[in-house]
Amino acid sequence: MVRSLSPGTPAPSSLTPRSLRVQSAEAWLFLFAVIMSAVLLFTSVFFIIMFSDLECDYLNPIDLCNKLNQFVLPEMIAHAFMTTCFLLSFQVIAFLLNVPLLAYNVNKVVNRNHMFDATEIFRTLGQHKKESFFKLGFYLVFFFYALYRMILALVAED
């Protein structure tokens, strides 16, 4: 049923652009989270592939560390930014899901063991692979959680 408005009648408040922007802020946030989770997911896959190449001797330790070290801090910063967005938008569950990994990353940076060292990479390869697989699983689960919340926010708008 379509209702036409006479020229002097104000538009219904539910259709104003401002309320649409406010209602869809949660959807935009979780769309951003889906995209960031996908990027972080692919970063974890890249790390796992590079560690496998080192194990199979397709790559030497110096090249591996040079390639991976350029992604370590951007990955941590991207995750911290995403977690901060959840905190600032009062998305408590999403924030609490991300806090343990954020705390782990902050601990690594504070203790200055966040970069890969070519002289120790063979000795610590198992630990780095476990960490990468854990992050892969976390980002995969969080990707689907963010996708679910984005769809939920879009459906709730209608």
C-alpha atoms as a PDB file:
ATOM      1  CA  MET A   1       0.000   0.000   0.000  1.00  0.00           C
ATOM      2  CA  VAL A   2       1.519   3.291  -1.112  1.00  0.00           C
ATOM      3  CA  ARG A   3       0.545   6.493   0.658  1.00  0.00           C
ATOM      4  CA  SER A   4       1.154   9.788  -0.995  1.00  0.00           C
ATOM      5  CA  LEU A   5       1.987  12.744   1.169  1.00  0.00           C
ATOM      6  CA  SER A   6       0.484  16.138   0.604  1.00  0.00           C
ATOM      7  CA  PRO A   7       3.030  18.950   0.137  1.00  0.00           C
ATOM      8  CA  GLY A   8       2.663  20.246   3.701  1.00  0.00           C
ATOM      9  CA  THR A   9       2.849  16.864   5.437  1.00  0.00           C
ATOM     10  CA  PRO A  10       6.224  16.026   7.015  1.00  0.00           C
ATOM     11  CA  ALA A  11       7.852  12.738   6.088  1.00  0.00           C
ATOM     12  CA  PRO A  12       7.476   9.903   8.586  1.00  0.00           C
ATOM     13  CA  SER A  13      10.370   9.894  11.024  1.00  0.00           C
ATOM     14  CA  SER A  14      11.282   6.293  10.206  1.00  0.00           C
ATOM     15  CA  LEU A  15      12.225   7.280   6.653  1.00  0.00           C
ATOM     16  CA  THR A  16      14.450  10.250   7.300  1.00  0.00           C
ATOM     17  CA  PRO A  17      18.065   9.880   6.189  1.00  0.00           C
ATOM     18  CA  ARG A  18      19.406  10.521   9.694  1.00  0.00           C
ATOM     19  CA  SER A  19      17.475   7.651  11.263  1.00  0.00           C
ATOM     20  CA  LEU A  20      18.555   5.374   8.423  1.00  0.00           C
ATOM     21  CA  ARG A  21      22.180   6.223   9.133  1.00  0.00           C
ATOM     22  CA  VAL A  22      21.754   5.592  12.852  1.00  0.00           C
ATOM     23  CA  GLN A  23      19.912   2.329  12.313  1.00  0.00           C
ATOM     24  CA  SER A  24      22.484   0.996   9.889  1.00  0.00           C
ATOM     25  CA  ALA A  25      25.552   1.923  11.962  1.00  0.00           C
ATOM     26  CA  GLU A  26      25.609  -1.562  13.466  1.00  0.00           C
ATOM     27  CA  ALA A  27      25.317  -3.119  10.013  1.00  0.00           C
ATOM     28  CA  TRP A  28      28.169  -0.955   8.714  1.00  0.00           C
ATOM     29  CA  LEU A  29      30.308  -1.857  11.715  1.00  0.00           C
ATOM     30  CA  PHE A  30      29.814  -5.564  11.197  1.00  0.00           C
ATOM     31  CA  LEU A  31      30.351  -5.216   7.438  1.00  0.00           C
ATOM     32  CA  PHE A  32      33.689  -3.644   8.305  1.00  0.00           C
ATOM     33  CA  ALA A  33      34.336  -6.524  10.729  1.00  0.00           C
ATOM     34  CA  VAL A  34      33.534  -9.092   8.030  1.00  0.00           C
ATOM     35  CA  ILE A  35      35.986  -7.449   5.635  1.00  0.00           C
ATOM     36  CA  MET A  36      38.688  -7.097   8.299  1.00  0.00           C
ATOM     37  CA  SER A  37      38.186 -10.696   9.429  1.00  0.00           C
ATOM     38  CA  ALA A  38      38.531 -11.879   5.839  1.00  0.00           C
ATOM     39  CA  VAL A  39      41.773  -9.918   5.415  1.00  0.00           C
ATOM     40  CA  LEU A  40      43.140 -11.252   8.709  1.00  0.00           C
ATOM     41  CA  LEU A  41      42.020 -14.750   7.731  1.00  0.00           C
ATOM     42  CA  PHE A  42      43.976 -14.560   4.485  1.00  0.00           C
ATOM     43  CA  THR A  43      46.972 -13.198   6.385  1.00  0.00           C
ATOM     44  CA  SER A  44      46.906 -16.250   8.657  1.00  0.00           C
ATOM     45  CA  VAL A  45      46.684 -18.563   5.648  1.00  0.00           C
ATOM     46  CA  PHE A  46      49.660 -16.741   4.120  1.00  0.00           C
ATOM     47  CA  PHE A  47      51.674 -17.248   7.326  1.00  0.00           C
ATOM     48  CA  ILE A  48      50.843 -20.975   7.384  1.00  0.00           C
ATOM     49  CA  ILE A  49      51.851 -21.381   3.737  1.00  0.00           C
ATOM     50  CA  MET A  50      55.123 -19.571   4.368  1.00  0.00           C
ATOM     51  CA  PHE A  51      55.895 -21.769   7.392  1.00  0.00           C
ATOM     52  CA  SER A  52      55.190 -24.855   5.281  1.00  0.00           C
ATOM     53  CA  ASP A  53      57.542 -23.551   2.600  1.00  0.00           C
ATOM     54  CA  LEU A  54      60.248 -23.188   5.238  1.00  0.00           C
ATOM     55  CA  GLU A  55      59.647 -26.736   6.478  1.00  0.00           C
ATOM     56  CA  CYS A  56      59.895 -28.111   2.942  1.00  0.00           C
ATOM     57  CA  ASP A  57      63.060 -26.066   2.369  1.00  0.00           C
ATOM     58  CA  TYR A  58      61.549 -24.005  -0.458  1.00  0.00           C
ATOM     59  CA  LEU A  59      62.410 -20.837   1.416  1.00  0.00           C
ATOM     60  CA  ASN A  60      65.367 -19.859   3.549  1.00  0.00           C
ATOM     61  CA  PRO A  61      64.885 -18.433   7.063  1.00  0.00           C
ATOM     62  CA  ILE A  62      66.079 -14.933   6.201  1.00  0.00           C
ATOM     63  CA  ASP A  63      63.630 -14.548   3.311  1.00  0.00           C
ATOM     64  CA  LEU A  64      60.812 -15.959   5.431  1.00  0.00           C
ATOM     65  CA  CYS A  65      61.437 -13.529   8.281  1.00  0.00           C
ATOM     66  CA  ASN A  66      61.796 -10.584   5.900  1.00  0.00           C
ATOM     67  CA  LYS A  67      58.478 -11.432   4.231  1.00  0.00           C
ATOM     68  CA  LEU A  68      56.507 -12.166   7.396  1.00  0.00           C
ATOM     69  CA  ASN A  69      57.864  -9.363   9.588  1.00  0.00           C
ATOM     70  CA  GLN A  70      56.344  -6.744   7.301  1.00  0.00           C
ATOM     71  CA  PHE A  71      52.876  -8.170   8.055  1.00  0.00           C
ATOM     72  CA  VAL A  72      53.168  -8.738  11.821  1.00  0.00           C
ATOM     73  CA  LEU A  73      52.514  -5.217  13.106  1.00  0.00           C
ATOM     74  CA  PRO A  74      49.864  -4.325  10.489  1.00  0.00           C
ATOM     75  CA  GLU A  75      47.977  -7.496  11.432  1.00  0.00           C
ATOM     76  CA  MET A  76      48.107  -6.604  15.125  1.00  0.00           C
ATOM     77  CA  ILE A  77      47.133  -2.986  14.475  1.00  0.00           C
ATOM     78  CA  ALA A  78      44.200  -4.032  12.271  1.00  0.00           C
ATOM     79  CA  HIS A  79      42.921  -6.394  14.947  1.00  0.00           C
ATOM     80  CA  ALA A  80      43.386  -3.754  17.670  1.00  0.00           C
ATOM     81  CA  PHE A  81      41.526  -1.178  15.574  1.00  0.00           C
ATOM     82  CA  MET A  82      38.646  -3.573  14.967  1.00  0.00           C
ATOM     83  CA  THR A  83      38.464  -4.391  18.687  1.00  0.00           C
ATOM     84  CA  THR A  84      38.521  -0.679  19.565  1.00  0.00           C
ATOM     85  CA  CYS A  85      35.644  -0.060  17.150  1.00  0.00           C
ATOM     86  CA  PHE A  86      33.613  -2.689  18.990  1.00  0.00           C
ATOM     87  CA  LEU A  87      34.431  -1.061  22.314  1.00  0.00           C
ATOM     88  CA  LEU A  88      33.484   2.427  21.139  1.00  0.00           C
ATOM     89  CA  SER A  89      30.207   1.220  19.617  1.00  0.00           C
ATOM     90  CA  PHE A  90      29.268  -0.734  22.762  1.00  0.00           C
ATOM     91  CA  GLN A  91      29.233  -4.127  21.009  1.00  0.00           C
ATOM     92  CA  VAL A  92      30.103  -5.970  24.207  1.00  0.00           C
ATOM     93  CA  ILE A  93      30.019  -9.562  22.944  1.00  0.00           C
ATOM     94  CA  ALA A  94      32.141  -8.805  19.878  1.00  0.00           C
ATOM     95  CA  PHE A  95      34.556  -6.834  22.042  1.00  0.00           C
ATOM     96  CA  LEU A  96      34.856  -9.611  24.635  1.00  0.00           C
ATOM     97  CA  LEU A  97      35.459 -12.189  21.907  1.00  0.00           C
ATOM     98  CA  ASN A  98      38.410 -10.165  20.622  1.00  0.00           C
ATOM     99  CA  VAL A  99      39.981  -9.152  23.944  1.00  0.00           C
ATOM    100  CA  PRO A 100      41.984 -12.377  24.574  1.00  0.00           C
ATOM    101  CA  LEU A 101      43.732 -12.213  21.201  1.00  0.00           C
ATOM    102  CA  LEU A 102      44.295  -8.489  21.633  1.00  0.00           C
ATOM    103  CA  ALA A 103      45.843  -9.087  25.063  1.00  0.00           C
ATOM    104  CA  TYR A 104      48.065 -11.815  23.610  1.00  0.00           C
ATOM    105  CA  ASN A 105      49.225  -9.488  20.820  1.00  0.00           C
ATOM    106  CA  VAL A 106      49.872  -6.621  23.238  1.00  0.00           C
ATOM    107  CA  ASN A 107      51.856  -8.974  25.483  1.00  0.00           C
ATOM    108  CA  LYS A 108      54.007 -10.028  22.533  1.00  0.00           C
ATOM    109  CA  VAL A 109      54.707  -6.418  21.568  1.00  0.00           C
ATOM    110  CA  VAL A 110      55.479  -5.359  25.151  1.00  0.00           C
ATOM    111  CA  ASN A 111      57.888  -8.294  25.581  1.00  0.00           C
ATOM    112  CA  ARG A 112      59.415  -7.533  22.169  1.00  0.00           C
ATOM    113  CA  ASN A 113      59.005 -11.033  20.786  1.00  0.00           C
ATOM    114  CA  HIS A 114      56.465 -10.182  18.087  1.00  0.00           C
ATOM    115  CA  MET A 115      58.958 -10.226  15.188  1.00  0.00           C
ATOM    116  CA  PHE A 116      60.393 -13.365  13.628  1.00  0.00           C
ATOM    117  CA  ASP A 117      64.116 -13.967  14.099  1.00  0.00           C
ATOM    118  CA  ALA A 118      65.932 -15.829  11.322  1.00  0.00           C
ATOM    119  CA  THR A 119      68.416 -17.366  13.773  1.00  0.00           C
ATOM    120  CA  GLU A 120      65.683 -18.913  15.936  1.00  0.00           C
ATOM    121  CA  ILE A 121      62.934 -19.640  13.422  1.00  0.00           C
ATOM    122  CA  PHE A 122      63.701 -23.370  13.069  1.00  0.00           C
ATOM    123  CA  ARG A 123      63.677 -23.844  16.830  1.00  0.00           C
ATOM    124  CA  THR A 124      60.380 -21.980  17.271  1.00  0.00           C
ATOM    125  CA  LEU A 125      58.663 -23.074  14.058  1.00  0.00           C
ATOM    126  CA  GLY A 126      56.236 -25.432  15.806  1.00  0.00           C
ATOM    127  CA  GLN A 127      55.103 -22.701  18.174  1.00  0.00           C
ATOM    128  CA  HIS A 128      54.652 -20.215  15.321  1.00  0.00           C
ATOM    129  CA  LYS A 129      52.623 -22.730  13.325  1.00  0.00           C
ATOM    130  CA  LYS A 130      50.354 -23.428  16.318  1.00  0.00           C
ATOM    131  CA  GLU A 131      49.842 -19.703  16.805  1.00  0.00           C
ATOM    132  CA  SER A 132      49.008 -19.255  13.117  1.00  0.00           C
ATOM    133  CA  PHE A 133      46.530 -22.139  13.163  1.00  0.00           C
ATOM    134  CA  PHE A 134      44.910 -20.725  16.300  1.00  0.00           C
ATOM    135  CA  LYS A 135      44.585 -17.300  14.674  1.00  0.00           C
ATOM    136  CA  LEU A 136      43.208 -18.927  11.538  1.00  0.00           C
ATOM    137  CA  GLY A 137      40.523 -20.671  13.588  1.00  0.00           C
ATOM    138  CA  PHE A 138      39.741 -17.538  15.573  1.00  0.00           C
ATOM    139  CA  TYR A 139      39.424 -15.332  12.490  1.00  0.00           C
ATOM    140  CA  LEU A 140      37.293 -17.963  10.755  1.00  0.00           C
ATOM    141  CA  VAL A 141      34.876 -18.220  13.689  1.00  0.00           C
ATOM    142  CA  PHE A 142      34.795 -14.451  14.099  1.00  0.00           C
ATOM    143  CA  PHE A 143      34.195 -13.993  10.357  1.00  0.00           C
ATOM    144  CA  PHE A 144      31.000 -16.038  10.578  1.00  0.00           C
ATOM    145  CA  TYR A 145      29.971 -14.317  13.822  1.00  0.00           C
ATOM    146  CA  ALA A 146      30.401 -10.883  12.218  1.00  0.00           C
ATOM    147  CA  LEU A 147      28.553 -12.048   9.104  1.00  0.00           C
ATOM    148  CA  TYR A 148      25.686 -13.297  11.272  1.00  0.00           C
ATOM    149  CA  ARG A 149      25.543 -10.037  13.233  1.00  0.00           C
ATOM    150  CA  MET A 150      25.642  -7.987  10.022  1.00  0.00           C
ATOM    151  CA  ILE A 151      22.722  -9.949   8.568  1.00  0.00           C
ATOM    152  CA  LEU A 152      20.876  -9.658  11.874  1.00  0.00           C
ATOM    153  CA  ALA A 153      21.366  -5.872  11.872  1.00  0.00           C
ATOM    154  CA  LEU A 154      20.169  -5.581   8.276  1.00  0.00           C
ATOM    155  CA  VAL A 155      17.082  -7.693   8.939  1.00  0.00           C
ATOM    156  CA  ALA A 156      16.298  -5.723  12.106  1.00  0.00           C
ATOM    157  CA  GLU A 157      16.191  -2.492  10.072  1.00  0.00           C
ATOM    158  CA  ASP A 158      13.178  -3.634   8.057  1.00  0.00           C
END
